[in-house]
């Protein structure tokens, strides 16, 4: 059985790093939503539809993006090391 060597770059990001990235993306999208709600106060006419649509649909997309966990290599977990049997009788 041949053991394959894995580099640190082939490992998926840590759960903390991935959670932080998703929280930042969610916060940015919610910030844009706040701007859309504020724009609804000043914008008039047909242009009002653009910030209104953003204010209505951005929360849905923000939650979908925030809950999308990145799965690498088809869900197969890579371990940083492996046990290799060493036979001293050679």
Protein backbone atom coordinates (compact mmCIF):
# COMPACT_ATOMS: atom_id res chain seq x y z
CA UNK A 1 0.00 0.00 0.00
CA UNK A 2 1.49 3.30 -1.09
CA UNK A 3 0.86 6.35 1.08
CA UNK A 4 0.24 9.60 -0.72
CA UNK A 5 1.75 12.77 0.61
CA UNK A 6 -0.56 15.71 1.11
CA UNK A 7 0.60 19.26 1.25
CA UNK A 8 -0.93 21.84 3.54
CA UNK A 9 -2.37 23.60 0.48
CA UNK A 10 -4.44 20.55 -0.48
CA UNK A 11 -6.34 20.62 2.82
CA UNK A 12 -9.68 22.43 3.00
CA UNK A 13 -9.90 25.66 5.03
CA UNK A 14 -10.49 25.29 8.75
CA UNK A 15 -14.09 25.53 9.94
CA UNK A 16 -13.31 28.81 11.74
CA UNK A 17 -11.81 30.37 8.60
CA UNK A 18 -14.72 29.22 6.44
CA UNK A 19 -17.29 30.49 8.99
CA UNK A 20 -15.52 33.87 9.17
CA UNK A 21 -15.54 34.17 5.35
CA UNK A 22 -19.27 33.38 5.20
CA UNK A 23 -20.04 35.89 7.97
CA UNK A 24 -18.15 38.63 6.12
CA UNK A 25 -20.04 37.88 2.88
CA UNK A 26 -23.36 37.93 4.76
CA UNK A 27 -22.51 41.23 6.46
CA UNK A 28 -21.59 42.85 3.14
CA UNK A 29 -24.85 41.72 1.54
CA UNK A 30 -26.87 43.02 4.51
CA UNK A 31 -24.99 46.33 4.27
CA UNK A 32 -26.04 46.61 0.63
CA UNK A 33 -29.61 45.85 1.70
CA UNK A 34 -29.55 48.71 4.20
CA UNK A 35 -28.37 51.00 1.41
CA UNK A 36 -31.24 49.76 -0.77
CA UNK A 37 -33.78 50.48 1.99
CA UNK A 38 -32.34 53.97 2.47
CA UNK A 39 -32.39 54.55 -1.30
CA UNK A 40 -36.11 53.73 -1.31
CA UNK A 41 -36.66 56.89 0.73
CA UNK A 42 -35.14 59.25 -1.85
CA UNK A 43 -35.63 57.52 -5.22
CA UNK A 44 -38.88 58.23 -7.09
CA UNK A 45 -40.59 56.92 -10.18
CA UNK A 46 -39.71 53.67 -11.90
CA UNK A 47 -36.20 53.85 -10.47
CA UNK A 48 -37.71 52.93 -7.10
CA UNK A 49 -38.06 49.33 -8.31
CA UNK A 50 -34.29 48.76 -8.36
CA UNK A 51 -33.59 49.41 -4.65
CA UNK A 52 -36.95 47.86 -3.68
CA UNK A 53 -36.11 44.60 -5.43
CA UNK A 54 -32.67 44.66 -3.81
CA UNK A 55 -34.17 45.24 -0.36
CA UNK A 56 -36.68 42.41 -0.83
CA UNK A 57 -34.51 39.70 -2.41
CA UNK A 58 -31.06 40.35 -0.91
CA UNK A 59 -31.90 38.68 2.45
CA UNK A 60 -32.78 35.43 0.68
CA UNK A 61 -29.55 35.40 -1.33
CA UNK A 62 -27.52 36.41 1.73
CA UNK A 63 -28.84 33.45 3.72
CA UNK A 64 -28.28 31.04 0.82
CA UNK A 65 -24.69 32.25 0.38
CA UNK A 66 -24.03 32.21 4.14
CA UNK A 67 -25.28 28.63 4.48
CA UNK A 68 -23.42 27.31 1.44
CA UNK A 69 -20.60 25.29 2.94
CA UNK A 70 -17.79 24.59 0.52
CA UNK A 71 -17.19 20.86 0.04
CA UNK A 72 -13.94 19.89 -1.63
CA UNK A 73 -13.19 16.80 -3.72
CA UNK A 74 -16.71 15.37 -3.72
CA UNK A 75 -17.02 15.36 0.04
CA UNK A 76 -14.02 13.11 0.58
CA UNK A 77 -12.10 14.16 3.68
CA UNK A 78 -8.35 14.29 3.34
CA UNK A 79 -6.33 13.47 6.39
CA UNK A 80 -3.03 15.26 6.99
CA UNK A 81 -1.18 12.01 7.63
CA UNK A 82 -1.54 8.28 7.27
CA UNK A 83 -0.39 5.22 9.15
CA UNK A 84 2.15 3.26 7.19
CA UNK A 85 3.09 -0.22 8.34
CA UNK A 86 6.83 -0.56 8.71
CA UNK A 87 8.25 -4.08 8.61
CA UNK A 88 11.69 -4.39 10.30
CA UNK A 89 12.21 -8.03 9.23
CA UNK A 90 13.66 -7.17 5.81
